[in-house]
Amino acid sequence: MRAAVVDNFGFPDSDKLLFHIDEAMSWESVRNLERMKSTLLLVQNIISQSDVPEEVKECLADVRESLEEVFLAMKEGEKF
């Protein structure tokens, strides 16, 4: 998703979006998936309220799906 924002940089709120994507990818967020989930929700809200390219929206859907799969796997007891 970060690459899609960088490739299309200049749309409204692209700078804010990039900042929060970097926050979601930070070591602190990677170590605490609940924090990542919260930051991703903020990213989702920015995307929903801005005129972003379709590629960015598609990337968001992919990231959300992947994170949901991780939480489901953890709930089912899989170790990472």
Protein backbone atom coordinates (compact mmCIF):
# COMPACT_ATOMS: atom_id res chain seq x y z
CA MET A 1 0.00 0.00 0.00
CA ARG A 2 2.86 2.36 0.80
CA ALA A 3 4.26 1.92 -2.70
CA ALA A 4 0.85 2.68 -4.24
CA VAL A 5 0.64 5.92 -2.24
CA VAL A 6 4.20 6.91 -3.21
CA ASP A 7 3.59 6.08 -6.88
CA ASN A 8 0.46 8.25 -6.89
CA PHE A 9 1.66 10.91 -4.44
CA GLY A 10 0.01 14.30 -4.72
CA PHE A 11 -3.63 13.37 -4.25
CA PRO A 12 -5.46 14.99 -1.30
CA ASP A 13 -4.15 13.81 2.09
CA SER A 14 -1.42 11.66 0.50
CA ASP A 15 1.14 13.08 2.94
CA LYS A 16 -1.06 12.31 5.96
CA LEU A 17 -1.80 8.87 4.59
CA LEU A 18 1.88 8.09 4.06
CA PHE A 19 2.69 9.20 7.61
CA HIS A 20 0.10 6.83 9.12
CA ILE A 21 1.07 3.94 6.86
CA ASP A 22 4.65 4.33 8.08
CA GLU A 23 3.34 4.34 11.64
CA ALA A 24 1.42 1.11 10.99
CA MET A 25 4.61 -0.46 9.62
CA SER A 26 6.79 0.68 12.53
CA TRP A 27 8.48 -1.85 14.76
CA GLU A 28 6.18 -0.89 17.64
CA SER A 29 3.12 -1.70 15.57
CA VAL A 30 4.53 -4.89 14.14
CA ARG A 31 5.21 -6.11 17.67
CA ASN A 32 1.71 -5.14 18.79
CA LEU A 33 -0.85 -6.14 16.20
CA GLU A 34 -3.68 -4.47 18.10
CA ARG A 35 -1.81 -1.19 17.65
CA MET A 36 -1.37 -1.97 13.96
CA LYS A 37 -5.08 -2.69 13.68
CA SER A 38 -5.91 0.69 15.24
CA THR A 39 -3.52 2.53 12.96
CA LEU A 40 -4.89 0.69 9.94
CA LEU A 41 -8.38 1.84 10.92
CA LEU A 42 -7.10 5.42 10.87
CA VAL A 43 -5.60 4.80 7.41
CA GLN A 44 -8.92 3.37 6.27
CA ASN A 45 -10.77 6.45 7.52
CA ILE A 46 -8.40 8.79 5.68
CA ILE A 47 -8.84 6.78 2.49
CA SER A 48 -12.62 6.75 2.79
CA GLN A 49 -12.73 10.54 3.24
CA SER A 50 -10.26 11.43 0.50
CA ASP A 51 -10.18 11.20 -3.25
CA VAL A 52 -7.55 8.47 -3.51
CA PRO A 53 -6.60 6.42 -6.57
CA GLU A 54 -8.33 3.07 -6.96
CA GLU A 55 -4.96 1.29 -6.63
CA VAL A 56 -4.63 2.59 -3.05
CA LYS A 57 -8.15 1.40 -2.19
CA GLU A 58 -7.35 -2.05 -3.57
CA CYS A 59 -4.15 -2.21 -1.53
CA LEU A 60 -6.07 -1.28 1.61
CA ALA A 61 -8.48 -4.15 0.99
CA ASP A 62 -5.55 -6.56 0.59
CA VAL A 63 -3.90 -5.36 3.80
CA ARG A 64 -7.14 -5.56 5.79
CA GLU A 65 -7.76 -9.08 4.51
CA SER A 66 -4.25 -10.18 5.44
CA LEU A 67 -4.50 -8.71 8.92
CA GLU A 68 -7.88 -10.37 9.46
CA GLU A 69 -6.35 -13.70 8.42
CA VAL A 70 -3.55 -13.22 10.95
CA PHE A 71 -6.00 -12.48 13.77
CA LEU A 72 -8.11 -15.51 12.80
CA ALA A 73 -5.04 -17.76 12.74
CA MET A 74 -3.97 -16.47 16.15
CA LYS A 75 -7.46 -17.09 17.52
CA GLU A 76 -7.24 -20.64 16.23
CA GLY A 77 -3.96 -21.09 18.08
CA GLU A 78 -1.41 -20.87 15.30
CA LYS A 79 2.03 -19.68 16.36
CA PHE A 80 4.01 -17.10 14.42
